[in-house]
Structure formats: C-alpha cells, structure tokens
C-alpha cells in the first residue's frame, strides 16, 4: 500500500473522530447543522469503501489513480478547515472561561462608587 493510501485511510479515521467530537456536535446542534454532519459521516463511509476498492485498481487504471490523488488533496483541505475550527473553538472556550472568571471576580469585589 502506497504512502498516499495510508494517509487517506488514517485521514478518514481522523475525520470520523472529529465529526464525533463534543465541540463540533455542540456547535452543530446550536447552528442546526446536525443533519449535515450526519450526511458527511455517511459520505465518508462511502468514500472509505470506494477507497478500499480503488487501492487495488489504481495500478491498472489511470483515472482511479487521479481520483485518489484528488481525494488526497481534498483530505488535506478538509484537515486544514477542521484544524481552524478546532483552534477557534478552543480559543472561544478560553475567552469564555476568562470572561467568566473576570465577571466572578467583579461580583466578589465590586468597585466603590465615587
């Protein structure tokens, strides 16, 4: 199995894990995107099955190799998007936590009125 196919197989597993992450599921519920996430999970399952079949055919059919190359490029793009989402979600959690701590401190130590 070529390195590209190993990457794609591992990438698909990472995608399944990320689609099931609590942060993404919470965001999807809040934004009404749960059906879209379910659709993506089904699509990834179909891609995984097609990928398994394509691995064997890529050596005899040039179009299959091109499809695998395109799929690998797409996987890199998706990984970048999900990394951005994860980073943004973590930053929001951190800022919300700091905001709550600041608000809590203000409530415990109110400023004197002038």
PDB file of N, CA and C in Angstrom:
ATOM      1  N   UNK A   1       0.852  -1.176   0.000  1.00  0.00           N
ATOM      2  CA  UNK A   1       0.000   0.000   0.000  1.00  0.00           C
ATOM      3  C   UNK A   1       0.895   1.235   0.000  1.00  0.00           C
ATOM      4  N   UNK A   2       0.608   2.168  -0.891  1.00  0.00           N
ATOM      5  CA  UNK A   2       1.410   3.374  -1.019  1.00  0.00           C
ATOM      6  C   UNK A   2       1.163   4.316   0.157  1.00  0.00           C
ATOM      7  N   UNK A   3       2.109   5.225   0.349  1.00  0.00           N
ATOM      8  CA  UNK A   3       2.012   6.175   1.457  1.00  0.00           C
ATOM      9  C   UNK A   3       0.738   7.022   1.340  1.00  0.00           C
ATOM     10  N   UNK A   4       0.385   7.435   0.122  1.00  0.00           N
ATOM     11  CA  UNK A   4      -0.820   8.233  -0.080  1.00  0.00           C
ATOM     12  C   UNK A   4      -2.072   7.525   0.397  1.00  0.00           C
ATOM     13  N   UNK A   5      -2.159   6.229   0.134  1.00  0.00           N
ATOM     14  CA  UNK A   5      -3.332   5.466   0.553  1.00  0.00           C
ATOM     15  C   UNK A   5      -3.344   5.265   2.065  1.00  0.00           C
ATOM     16  N   UNK A   6      -2.172   5.094   2.658  1.00  0.00           N
ATOM     17  CA  UNK A   6      -2.097   5.010   4.117  1.00  0.00           C
ATOM     18  C   UNK A   6      -2.579   6.316   4.738  1.00  0.00           C
ATOM     19  N   UNK A   7      -2.152   7.430   4.135  1.00  0.00           N
ATOM     20  CA  UNK A   7      -2.589   8.725   4.636  1.00  0.00           C
ATOM     21  C   UNK A   7      -4.108   8.846   4.543  1.00  0.00           C
ATOM     22  N   UNK A   8      -4.673   8.479   3.390  1.00  0.00           N
ATOM     23  CA  UNK A   8      -6.116   8.613   3.218  1.00  0.00           C
ATOM     24  C   UNK A   8      -6.891   7.756   4.214  1.00  0.00           C
ATOM     25  N   UNK A   9      -6.429   6.547   4.435  1.00  0.00           N
ATOM     26  CA  UNK A   9      -7.109   5.678   5.404  1.00  0.00           C
ATOM     27  C   UNK A   9      -7.052   6.277   6.802  1.00  0.00           C
ATOM     28  N   UNK A  10      -5.887   6.741   7.194  1.00  0.00           N
ATOM     29  CA  UNK A  10      -5.738   7.358   8.514  1.00  0.00           C
ATOM     30  C   UNK A  10      -6.544   8.649   8.598  1.00  0.00           C
ATOM     31  N   UNK A  11      -6.532   9.409   7.508  1.00  0.00           N
ATOM     32  CA  UNK A  11      -7.266  10.665   7.493  1.00  0.00           C
ATOM     33  C   UNK A  11      -8.758  10.423   7.687  1.00  0.00           C
ATOM     34  N   UNK A  12      -9.300   9.421   7.016  1.00  0.00           N
ATOM     35  CA  UNK A  12     -10.731   9.149   7.154  1.00  0.00           C
ATOM     36  C   UNK A  12     -11.080   8.799   8.594  1.00  0.00           C
ATOM     37  N   UNK A  13     -10.217   8.066   9.263  1.00  0.00           N
ATOM     38  CA  UNK A  13     -10.480   7.747  10.664  1.00  0.00           C
ATOM     39  C   UNK A  13     -10.466   9.011  11.519  1.00  0.00           C
ATOM     40  N   UNK A  14      -9.524   9.891  11.234  1.00  0.00           N
ATOM     41  CA  UNK A  14      -9.462  11.168  11.964  1.00  0.00           C
ATOM     42  C   UNK A  14     -10.727  11.978  11.702  1.00  0.00           C
ATOM     43  N   UNK A  15     -11.204  11.974  10.464  1.00  0.00           N
ATOM     44  CA  UNK A  15     -12.432  12.710  10.126  1.00  0.00           C
ATOM     45  C   UNK A  15     -13.624  12.171  10.914  1.00  0.00           C
ATOM     46  N   UNK A  16     -13.741  10.844  10.994  1.00  0.00           N
ATOM     47  CA  UNK A  16     -14.824  10.256  11.783  1.00  0.00           C
ATOM     48  C   UNK A  16     -14.731  10.714  13.237  1.00  0.00           C
ATOM     49  N   UNK A  17     -13.529  10.685  13.782  1.00  0.00           N
ATOM     50  CA  UNK A  17     -13.331  11.106  15.175  1.00  0.00           C
ATOM     51  C   UNK A  17     -13.684  12.577  15.372  1.00  0.00           C
ATOM     52  N   UNK A  18     -13.276  13.417  14.434  1.00  0.00           N
ATOM     53  CA  UNK A  18     -13.552  14.853  14.561  1.00  0.00           C
ATOM     54  C   UNK A  18     -15.034  15.151  14.393  1.00  0.00           C
ATOM     55  N   UNK A  19     -15.695  14.425  13.493  1.00  0.00           N
ATOM     56  CA  UNK A  19     -17.132  14.639  13.316  1.00  0.00           C
ATOM     57  C   UNK A  19     -17.910  14.266  14.577  1.00  0.00           C
ATOM     58  N   UNK A  20     -17.313  13.395  15.373  1.00  0.00           N
ATOM     59  CA  UNK A  20     -17.973  12.971  16.613  1.00  0.00           C
ATOM     60  C   UNK A  20     -17.471  13.740  17.834  1.00  0.00           C
ATOM     61  N   UNK A  21     -16.634  14.755  17.629  1.00  0.00           N
ATOM     62  CA  UNK A  21     -16.085  15.497  18.767  1.00  0.00           C
ATOM     63  C   UNK A  21     -17.191  16.287  19.457  1.00  0.00           C
ATOM     64  N   UNK A  22     -17.117  16.387  20.782  1.00  0.00           N
ATOM     65  CA  UNK A  22     -18.148  17.123  21.524  1.00  0.00           C
ATOM     66  C   UNK A  22     -18.286  18.577  21.072  1.00  0.00           C
ATOM     67  N   UNK A  23     -17.165  19.230  20.761  1.00  0.00           N
ATOM     68  CA  UNK A  23     -17.213  20.626  20.344  1.00  0.00           C
ATOM     69  C   UNK A  23     -17.990  20.786  19.043  1.00  0.00           C
ATOM     70  N   UNK A  24     -17.676  19.924  18.065  1.00  0.00           N
ATOM     71  CA  UNK A  24     -18.342  20.023  16.779  1.00  0.00           C
ATOM     72  C   UNK A  24     -19.813  19.646  16.892  1.00  0.00           C
ATOM     73  N   UNK A  25     -20.123  18.634  17.679  1.00  0.00           N
ATOM     74  CA  UNK A  25     -21.523  18.240  17.861  1.00  0.00           C
ATOM     75  C   UNK A  25     -22.317  19.352  18.549  1.00  0.00           C
ATOM     76  N   UNK A  26     -21.718  19.993  19.541  1.00  0.00           N
ATOM     77  CA  UNK A  26     -22.395  21.100  20.228  1.00  0.00           C
ATOM     78  C   UNK A  26     -22.626  22.257  19.261  1.00  0.00           C
ATOM     79  N   UNK A  27     -21.618  22.585  18.493  1.00  0.00           N
ATOM     80  CA  UNK A  27     -21.745  23.651  17.504  1.00  0.00           C
ATOM     81  C   UNK A  27     -22.825  23.301  16.479  1.00  0.00           C
ATOM     82  N   UNK A  28     -22.823  22.065  16.013  1.00  0.00           N
ATOM     83  CA  UNK A  28     -23.804  21.639  15.012  1.00  0.00           C
ATOM     84  C   UNK A  28     -25.228  21.734  15.554  1.00  0.00           C
ATOM     85  N   UNK A  29     -25.413  21.340  16.798  1.00  0.00           N
ATOM     86  CA  UNK A  29     -26.740  21.446  17.409  1.00  0.00           C
ATOM     87  C   UNK A  29     -27.175  22.904  17.511  1.00  0.00           C
ATOM     88  N   UNK A  30     -26.263  23.743  17.964  1.00  0.00           N
ATOM     89  CA  UNK A  30     -26.569  25.156  18.152  1.00  0.00           C
ATOM     90  C   UNK A  30     -26.893  25.838  16.819  1.00  0.00           C
ATOM     91  N   UNK A  31     -26.186  25.448  15.769  1.00  0.00           N
ATOM     92  CA  UNK A  31     -26.351  26.095  14.470  1.00  0.00           C
ATOM     93  C   UNK A  31     -27.325  25.339  13.553  1.00  0.00           C
ATOM     94  N   UNK A  32     -27.901  24.240  14.050  1.00  0.00           N
ATOM     95  CA  UNK A  32     -28.842  23.474  13.240  1.00  0.00           C
ATOM     96  C   UNK A  32     -28.176  22.703  12.108  1.00  0.00           C
ATOM     97  N   UNK A  33     -26.967  22.231  12.354  1.00  0.00           N
ATOM     98  CA  UNK A  33     -26.200  21.531  11.316  1.00  0.00           C
ATOM     99  C   UNK A  33     -26.075  20.032  11.555  1.00  0.00           C
ATOM    100  N   UNK A  34     -26.818  19.500  12.497  1.00  0.00           N
ATOM    101  CA  UNK A  34     -26.676  18.086  12.850  1.00  0.00           C
ATOM    102  C   UNK A  34     -26.944  17.180  11.644  1.00  0.00           C
ATOM    103  N   UNK A  35     -27.973  17.487  10.867  1.00  0.00           N
ATOM    104  CA  UNK A  35     -28.278  16.668   9.683  1.00  0.00           C
ATOM    105  C   UNK A  35     -27.115  16.692   8.690  1.00  0.00           C
ATOM    106  N   UNK A  36     -26.480  17.854   8.558  1.00  0.00           N
ATOM    107  CA  UNK A  36     -25.342  17.962   7.639  1.00  0.00           C
ATOM    108  C   UNK A  36     -24.173  17.108   8.122  1.00  0.00           C
ATOM    109  N   UNK A  37     -23.912  17.105   9.430  1.00  0.00           N
ATOM    110  CA  UNK A  37     -22.833  16.262   9.965  1.00  0.00           C
ATOM    111  C   UNK A  37     -23.135  14.787   9.721  1.00  0.00           C
ATOM    112  N   UNK A  38     -24.384  14.391   9.919  1.00  0.00           N
ATOM    113  CA  UNK A  38     -24.768  13.001   9.660  1.00  0.00           C
ATOM    114  C   UNK A  38     -24.565  12.648   8.187  1.00  0.00           C
ATOM    115  N   UNK A  39     -24.904  13.579   7.314  1.00  0.00           N
ATOM    116  CA  UNK A  39     -24.718  13.357   5.873  1.00  0.00           C
ATOM    117  C   UNK A  39     -23.231  13.182   5.552  1.00  0.00           C
ATOM    118  N   UNK A  40     -22.399  14.040   6.159  1.00  0.00           N
ATOM    119  CA  UNK A  40     -20.955  13.921   5.927  1.00  0.00           C
ATOM    120  C   UNK A  40     -20.419  12.584   6.423  1.00  0.00           C
ATOM    121  N   UNK A  41     -20.902  12.126   7.556  1.00  0.00           N
ATOM    122  CA  UNK A  41     -20.446  10.838   8.090  1.00  0.00           C
ATOM    123  C   UNK A  41     -20.814   9.710   7.136  1.00  0.00           C
ATOM    124  N   UNK A  42     -22.016   9.749   6.570  1.00  0.00           N
ATOM    125  CA  UNK A  42     -22.420   8.719   5.606  1.00  0.00           C
ATOM    126  C   UNK A  42     -21.557   8.792   4.349  1.00  0.00           C
ATOM    127  N   UNK A  43     -21.284  10.011   3.913  1.00  0.00           N
ATOM    128  CA  UNK A  43     -20.444  10.183   2.727  1.00  0.00           C
ATOM    129  C   UNK A  43     -19.040   9.653   2.980  1.00  0.00           C
ATOM    130  N   UNK A  44     -18.488   9.933   4.158  1.00  0.00           N
ATOM    131  CA  UNK A  44     -17.159   9.419   4.491  1.00  0.00           C
ATOM    132  C   UNK A  44     -17.139   7.898   4.503  1.00  0.00           C
ATOM    133  N   UNK A  45     -18.210   7.285   4.964  1.00  0.00           N
ATOM    134  CA  UNK A  45     -18.292   5.822   4.961  1.00  0.00           C
ATOM    135  C   UNK A  45     -18.254   5.295   3.526  1.00  0.00           C
ATOM    136  N   UNK A  46     -19.002   5.940   2.641  1.00  0.00           N
ATOM    137  CA  UNK A  46     -18.998   5.513   1.232  1.00  0.00           C
ATOM    138  C   UNK A  46     -17.615   5.722   0.613  1.00  0.00           C
ATOM    139  N   UNK A  47     -16.986   6.844   0.937  1.00  0.00           N
ATOM    140  CA  UNK A  47     -15.648   7.108   0.415  1.00  0.00           C
ATOM    141  C   UNK A  47     -14.667   6.049   0.907  1.00  0.00           C
ATOM    142  N   UNK A  48     -14.799   5.674   2.166  1.00  0.00           N
ATOM    143  CA  UNK A  48     -13.902   4.666   2.729  1.00  0.00           C
ATOM    144  C   UNK A  48     -14.041   3.343   1.976  1.00  0.00           C
ATOM    145  N   UNK A  49     -15.264   2.952   1.667  1.00  0.00           N
ATOM    146  CA  UNK A  49     -15.494   1.715   0.908  1.00  0.00           C
ATOM    147  C   UNK A  49     -14.934   1.825  -0.504  1.00  0.00           C
ATOM    148  N   UNK A  50     -15.174   2.959  -1.156  1.00  0.00           N
ATOM    149  CA  UNK A  50     -14.659   3.160  -2.510  1.00  0.00           C
ATOM    150  C   UNK A  50     -13.134   3.212  -2.506  1.00  0.00           C
ATOM    151  N   UNK A  51     -12.565   3.800  -1.485  1.00  0.00           N
ATOM    152  CA  UNK A  51     -11.117   3.885  -1.366  1.00  0.00           C
ATOM    153  C   UNK A  51     -10.492   2.504  -1.289  1.00  0.00           C
ATOM    154  N   UNK A  52     -11.102   1.647  -0.534  1.00  0.00           N
ATOM    155  CA  UNK A  52     -10.587   0.278  -0.411  1.00  0.00           C
ATOM    156  C   UNK A  52     -10.543  -0.400  -1.787  1.00  0.00           C
ATOM    157  N   UNK A  53     -11.608  -0.255  -2.552  1.00  0.00           N
ATOM    158  CA  UNK A  53     -11.665  -0.842  -3.889  1.00  0.00           C
ATOM    159  C   UNK A  53     -10.681  -0.158  -4.837  1.00  0.00           C
ATOM    160  N   UNK A  54     -10.554   1.150  -4.729  1.00  0.00           N
ATOM    161  CA  UNK A  54      -9.688   1.915  -5.626  1.00  0.00           C
ATOM    162  C   UNK A  54      -8.211   1.618  -5.412  1.00  0.00           C
ATOM    163  N   UNK A  55      -7.840   1.261  -4.202  1.00  0.00           N
ATOM    164  CA  UNK A  55      -6.436   0.960  -3.919  1.00  0.00           C
ATOM    165  C   UNK A  55      -5.902  -0.118  -4.859  1.00  0.00           C
ATOM    166  N   UNK A  56      -6.716  -1.117  -5.110  1.00  0.00           N
ATOM    167  CA  UNK A  56      -6.309  -2.210  -5.999  1.00  0.00           C
ATOM    168  C   UNK A  56      -6.319  -1.773  -7.467  1.00  0.00           C
ATOM    169  N   UNK A  57      -7.275  -0.961  -7.847  1.00  0.00           N
ATOM    170  CA  UNK A  57      -7.454  -0.582  -9.245  1.00  0.00           C
ATOM    171  C   UNK A  57      -6.509   0.514  -9.720  1.00  0.00           C
ATOM    172  N   UNK A  58      -5.892   1.247  -8.800  1.00  0.00           N
ATOM    173  CA  UNK A  58      -5.071   2.385  -9.199  1.00  0.00           C
ATOM    174  C   UNK A  58      -3.871   1.976 -10.046  1.00  0.00           C
ATOM    175  N   UNK A  59      -3.432   0.753  -9.913  1.00  0.00           N
ATOM    176  CA  UNK A  59      -2.250   0.307 -10.644  1.00  0.00           C
ATOM    177  C   UNK A  59      -2.570  -0.028 -12.102  1.00  0.00           C
ATOM    178  N   UNK A  60      -3.823  -0.301 -12.390  1.00  0.00           N
ATOM    179  CA  UNK A  60      -4.204  -0.661 -13.753  1.00  0.00           C
ATOM    180  C   UNK A  60      -5.053   0.410 -14.443  1.00  0.00           C
ATOM    181  N   UNK A  61      -5.635   1.306 -13.688  1.00  0.00           N
ATOM    182  CA  UNK A  61      -6.497   2.340 -14.275  1.00  0.00           C
ATOM    183  C   UNK A  61      -6.007   3.715 -13.855  1.00  0.00           C
ATOM    184  N   UNK A  62      -5.578   4.476 -14.833  1.00  0.00           N
ATOM    185  CA  UNK A  62      -5.019   5.804 -14.564  1.00  0.00           C
ATOM    186  C   UNK A  62      -6.051   6.739 -13.933  1.00  0.00           C
ATOM    187  N   UNK A  63      -7.294   6.647 -14.353  1.00  0.00           N
ATOM    188  CA  UNK A  63      -8.343   7.520 -13.820  1.00  0.00           C
ATOM    189  C   UNK A  63      -8.543   7.291 -12.320  1.00  0.00           C
ATOM    190  N   UNK A  64      -8.367   6.055 -11.885  1.00  0.00           N
ATOM    191  CA  UNK A  64      -8.515   5.746 -10.458  1.00  0.00           C
ATOM    192  C   UNK A  64      -7.386   6.390  -9.673  1.00  0.00           C
ATOM    193  N   UNK A  65      -6.177   6.336 -10.224  1.00  0.00           N
ATOM    194  CA  UNK A  65      -5.052   6.987  -9.546  1.00  0.00           C
ATOM    195  C   UNK A  65      -5.291   8.485  -9.440  1.00  0.00           C
ATOM    196  N   UNK A  66      -5.810   9.105 -10.510  1.00  0.00           N
ATOM    197  CA  UNK A  66      -6.107  10.535 -10.480  1.00  0.00           C
ATOM    198  C   UNK A  66      -7.164  10.840  -9.424  1.00  0.00           C
ATOM    199  N   UNK A  67      -8.174   9.991  -9.315  1.00  0.00           N
ATOM    200  CA  UNK A  67      -9.223  10.176  -8.315  1.00  0.00           C
ATOM    201  C   UNK A  67      -8.634  10.103  -6.906  1.00  0.00           C
ATOM    202  N   UNK A  68      -7.755   9.149  -6.696  1.00  0.00           N
ATOM    203  CA  UNK A  68      -7.116   9.027  -5.383  1.00  0.00           C
ATOM    204  C   UNK A  68      -6.264  10.261  -5.069  1.00  0.00           C
ATOM    205  N   UNK A  69      -5.571  10.773  -6.074  1.00  0.00           N
ATOM    206  CA  UNK A  69      -4.768  11.989  -5.864  1.00  0.00           C
ATOM    207  C   UNK A  69      -5.675  13.174  -5.512  1.00  0.00           C
ATOM    208  N   UNK A  70      -6.799  13.310  -6.226  1.00  0.00           N
ATOM    209  CA  UNK A  70      -7.746  14.385  -5.934  1.00  0.00           C
ATOM    210  C   UNK A  70      -8.334  14.228  -4.530  1.00  0.00           C
ATOM    211  N   UNK A  71      -8.636  13.003  -4.167  1.00  0.00           N
ATOM    212  CA  UNK A  71      -9.193  12.739  -2.845  1.00  0.00           C
ATOM    213  C   UNK A  71      -8.185  13.085  -1.758  1.00  0.00           C
ATOM    214  N   UNK A  72      -6.925  12.781  -2.002  1.00  0.00           N
ATOM    215  CA  UNK A  72      -5.881  13.129  -1.029  1.00  0.00           C
ATOM    216  C   UNK A  72      -5.779  14.645  -0.875  1.00  0.00           C
ATOM    217  N   UNK A  73      -5.833  15.370  -2.005  1.00  0.00           N
ATOM    218  CA  UNK A  73      -5.802  16.839  -1.938  1.00  0.00           C
ATOM    219  C   UNK A  73      -6.991  17.380  -1.154  1.00  0.00           C
ATOM    220  N   UNK A  74      -8.160  16.820  -1.395  1.00  0.00           N
ATOM    221  CA  UNK A  74      -9.353  17.221  -0.659  1.00  0.00           C
ATOM    222  C   UNK A  74      -9.194  16.929   0.831  1.00  0.00           C
ATOM    223  N   UNK A  75      -8.597  15.803   1.137  1.00  0.00           N
ATOM    224  CA  UNK A  75      -8.385  15.435   2.540  1.00  0.00           C
ATOM    225  C   UNK A  75      -7.506  16.465   3.238  1.00  0.00           C
ATOM    226  N   UNK A  76      -6.456  16.924   2.553  1.00  0.00           N
ATOM    227  CA  UNK A  76      -5.605  17.963   3.144  1.00  0.00           C
ATOM    228  C   UNK A  76      -6.395  19.244   3.394  1.00  0.00           C
ATOM    229  N   UNK A  77      -7.224  19.630   2.426  1.00  0.00           N
ATOM    230  CA  UNK A  77      -8.033  20.844   2.587  1.00  0.00           C
ATOM    231  C   UNK A  77      -9.004  20.702   3.756  1.00  0.00           C
ATOM    232  N   UNK A  78      -9.663  19.562   3.855  1.00  0.00           N
ATOM    233  CA  UNK A  78     -10.601  19.330   4.953  1.00  0.00           C
ATOM    234  C   UNK A  78      -9.895  19.344   6.296  1.00  0.00           C
ATOM    235  N   UNK A  79      -8.723  18.770   6.327  1.00  0.00           N
ATOM    236  CA  UNK A  79      -7.961  18.760   7.573  1.00  0.00           C
ATOM    237  C   UNK A  79      -7.631  20.184   8.015  1.00  0.00           C
ATOM    238  N   UNK A  80      -7.254  21.031   7.055  1.00  0.00           N
ATOM    239  CA  UNK A  80      -6.967  22.432   7.385  1.00  0.00           C
ATOM    240  C   UNK A  80      -8.200  23.139   7.941  1.00  0.00           C
ATOM    241  N   UNK A  81      -9.362  22.905   7.325  1.00  0.00           N
ATOM    242  CA  UNK A  81     -10.603  23.536   7.780  1.00  0.00           C
ATOM    243  C   UNK A  81     -10.960  23.072   9.188  1.00  0.00           C
ATOM    244  N   UNK A  82     -10.855  21.778   9.432  1.00  0.00           N
ATOM    245  CA  UNK A  82     -11.182  21.260  10.759  1.00  0.00           C
ATOM    246  C   UNK A  82     -10.182  21.723  11.807  1.00  0.00           C
ATOM    247  N   UNK A  83      -8.923  21.863  11.419  1.00  0.00           N
ATOM    248  CA  UNK A  83      -7.932  22.403  12.354  1.00  0.00           C
ATOM    249  C   UNK A  83      -8.281  23.840  12.732  1.00  0.00           C
ATOM    250  N   UNK A  84      -8.706  24.630  11.734  1.00  0.00           N
ATOM    251  CA  UNK A  84      -9.122  26.006  12.015  1.00  0.00           C
ATOM    252  C   UNK A  84     -10.307  26.024  12.974  1.00  0.00           C
ATOM    253  N   UNK A  85     -11.284  25.167  12.724  1.00  0.00           N
ATOM    254  CA  UNK A  85     -12.464  25.105  13.585  1.00  0.00           C
ATOM    255  C   UNK A  85     -12.068  24.728  15.006  1.00  0.00           C
ATOM    256  N   UNK A  86     -11.220  23.716  15.143  1.00  0.00           N
ATOM    257  CA  UNK A  86     -10.794  23.258  16.460  1.00  0.00           C
ATOM    258  C   UNK A  86     -10.045  24.355  17.207  1.00  0.00           C
ATOM    259  N   UNK A  87      -9.175  25.044  16.505  1.00  0.00           N
ATOM    260  CA  UNK A  87      -8.419  26.134  17.111  1.00  0.00           C
ATOM    261  C   UNK A  87      -9.348  27.263  17.548  1.00  0.00           C
ATOM    262  N   UNK A  88     -10.286  27.618  16.678  1.00  0.00           N
ATOM    263  CA  UNK A  88     -11.231  28.688  17.021  1.00  0.00           C
ATOM    264  C   UNK A  88     -12.112  28.292  18.199  1.00  0.00           C
ATOM    265  N   UNK A  89     -12.565  27.049  18.220  1.00  0.00           N
ATOM    266  CA  UNK A  89     -13.410  26.583  19.327  1.00  0.00           C
ATOM    267  C   UNK A  89     -12.631  26.623  20.642  1.00  0.00           C
ATOM    268  N   UNK A  90     -11.375  26.204  20.605  1.00  0.00           N
ATOM    269  CA  UNK A  90     -10.557  26.231  21.820  1.00  0.00           C
ATOM    270  C   UNK A  90     -10.331  27.664  22.295  1.00  0.00           C
ATOM    271  N   UNK A  91     -10.096  28.562  21.359  1.00  0.00           N
ATOM    272  CA  UNK A  91      -9.895  29.964  21.717  1.00  0.00           C
ATOM    273  C   UNK A  91     -11.168  30.553  22.330  1.00  0.00           C
ATOM    274  N   UNK A  92     -12.316  30.224  21.752  1.00  0.00           N
ATOM    275  CA  UNK A  92     -13.586  30.719  22.303  1.00  0.00           C
ATOM    276  C   UNK A  92     -13.806  30.190  23.723  1.00  0.00           C
ATOM    277  N   UNK A  93     -13.512  28.895  23.927  1.00  0.00           N
ATOM    278  CA  UNK A  93     -13.665  28.333  25.276  1.00  0.00           C
ATOM    279  C   UNK A  93     -12.751  29.049  26.252  1.00  0.00           C
ATOM    280  N   UNK A  94     -11.536  29.327  25.838  1.00  0.00           N
ATOM    281  CA  UNK A  94     -10.583  30.013  26.710  1.00  0.00           C
ATOM    282  C   UNK A  94     -11.074  31.422  27.026  1.00  0.00           C
ATOM    283  N   UNK A  95     -11.522  32.140  26.010  1.00  0.00           N
ATOM    284  CA  UNK A  95     -12.007  33.502  26.227  1.00  0.00           C
ATOM    285  C   UNK A  95     -13.257  33.508  27.101  1.00  0.00           C
ATOM    286  N   UNK A  96     -14.149  32.563  26.889  1.00  0.00           N
ATOM    287  CA  UNK A  96     -15.356  32.481  27.707  1.00  0.00           C
ATOM    288  C   UNK A  96     -14.988  32.167  29.154  1.00  0.00           C
ATOM    289  N   UNK A  97     -14.017  31.289  29.344  1.00  0.00           N
ATOM    290  CA  UNK A  97     -13.556  30.961  30.690  1.00  0.00           C
ATOM    291  C   UNK A  97     -12.950  32.163  31.372  1.00  0.00           C
ATOM    292  N   UNK A  98     -12.131  32.916  30.642  1.00  0.00           N
ATOM    293  CA  UNK A  98     -11.524  34.118  31.214  1.00  0.00           C
ATOM    294  C   UNK A  98     -12.591  35.166  31.517  1.00  0.00           C
ATOM    295  N   UNK A  99     -13.569  35.275  30.645  1.00  0.00           N
ATOM    296  CA  UNK A  99     -14.656  36.231  30.852  1.00  0.00           C
ATOM    297  C   UNK A  99     -15.451  35.872  32.106  1.00  0.00           C
ATOM    298  N   UNK A 100     -15.711  34.583  32.297  1.00  0.00           N
ATOM    299  CA  UNK A 100     -16.462  34.143  33.471  1.00  0.00           C
ATOM    300  C   UNK A 100     -15.670  34.376  34.742  1.00  0.00           C
ATOM    301  N   UNK A 101     -14.362  34.142  34.695  1.00  0.00           N
ATOM    302  CA  UNK A 101     -13.511  34.383  35.866  1.00  0.00           C
ATOM    303  C   UNK A 101     -13.502  35.869  36.184  1.00  0.00           C
ATOM    304  N   UNK A 102     -13.384  36.711  35.166  1.00  0.00           N
ATOM    305  CA  UNK A 102     -13.370  38.161  35.361  1.00  0.00           C
ATOM    306  C   UNK A 102     -14.692  38.636  35.948  1.00  0.00           C
ATOM    307  N   UNK A 103     -15.793  38.142  35.436  1.00  0.00           N
ATOM    308  CA  UNK A 103     -17.117  38.513  35.940  1.00  0.00           C
ATOM    309  C   UNK A 103     -17.281  38.054  37.379  1.00  0.00           C
ATOM    310  N   UNK A 104     -16.794  36.871  37.665  1.00  0.00           N
ATOM    311  CA  UNK A 104     -16.889  36.330  39.017  1.00  0.00           C
ATOM    312  C   UNK A 104     -16.089  37.192  39.996  1.00  0.00           C
ATOM    313  N   UNK A 105     -14.907  37.628  39.583  1.00  0.00           N
ATOM    314  CA  UNK A 105     -14.080  38.482  40.443  1.00  0.00           C
ATOM    315  C   UNK A 105     -14.760  39.828  40.662  1.00  0.00           C
ATOM    316  N   UNK A 106     -15.359  40.385  39.612  1.00  0.00           N
ATOM    317  CA  UNK A 106     -16.047  41.673  39.735  1.00  0.00           C
ATOM    318  C   UNK A 106     -17.219  41.573  40.718  1.00  0.00           C
ATOM    319  N   UNK A 107     -17.897  40.455  40.721  1.00  0.00           N
ATOM    320  CA  UNK A 107     -19.043  40.281  41.609  1.00  0.00           C
ATOM    321  C   UNK A 107     -18.583  40.154  43.059  1.00  0.00           C
ATOM    322  N   UNK A 108     -17.428  39.534  43.265  1.00  0.00           N
ATOM    323  CA  UNK A 108     -16.916  39.361  44.626  1.00  0.00           C
ATOM    324  C   UNK A 108     -16.319  40.653  45.156  1.00  0.00           C
ATOM    325  N   UNK A 109     -15.727  41.452  44.291  1.00  0.00           N
ATOM    326  CA  UNK A 109     -15.062  42.684  44.693  1.00  0.00           C
ATOM    327  C   UNK A 109     -15.631  43.851  43.895  1.00  0.00           C
ATOM    328  N   UNK A 110     -16.813  44.314  44.225  1.00  0.00           N
ATOM    329  CA  UNK A 110     -17.374  45.431  43.455  1.00  0.00           C
ATOM    330  C   UNK A 110     -16.562  46.693  43.661  1.00  0.00           C
ATOM    331  N   UNK A 111     -16.559  47.513  42.633  1.00  0.00           N
ATOM    332  CA  UNK A 111     -15.820  48.783  42.694  1.00  0.00           C
ATOM    333  C   UNK A 111     -16.598  49.745  43.587  1.00  0.00           C
ATOM    334  N   UNK A 112     -15.886  50.512  44.380  1.00  0.00           N
ATOM    335  CA  UNK A 112     -16.576  51.513  45.207  1.00  0.00           C
ATOM    336  C   UNK A 112     -17.141  52.609  44.325  1.00  0.00           C
ATOM    337  N   UNK A 113     -18.310  53.100  44.709  1.00  0.00           N
ATOM    338  CA  UNK A 113     -18.948  54.184  43.967  1.00  0.00           C
ATOM    339  C   UNK A 113     -18.295  55.488  44.365  1.00  0.00           C
ATOM    340  N   UNK A 114     -18.086  56.358  43.395  1.00  0.00           N
ATOM    341  CA  UNK A 114     -17.464  57.665  43.652  1.00  0.00           C
ATOM    342  C   UNK A 114     -18.468  58.651  44.164  1.00  0.00           C
TER     343      UNK A 114
END
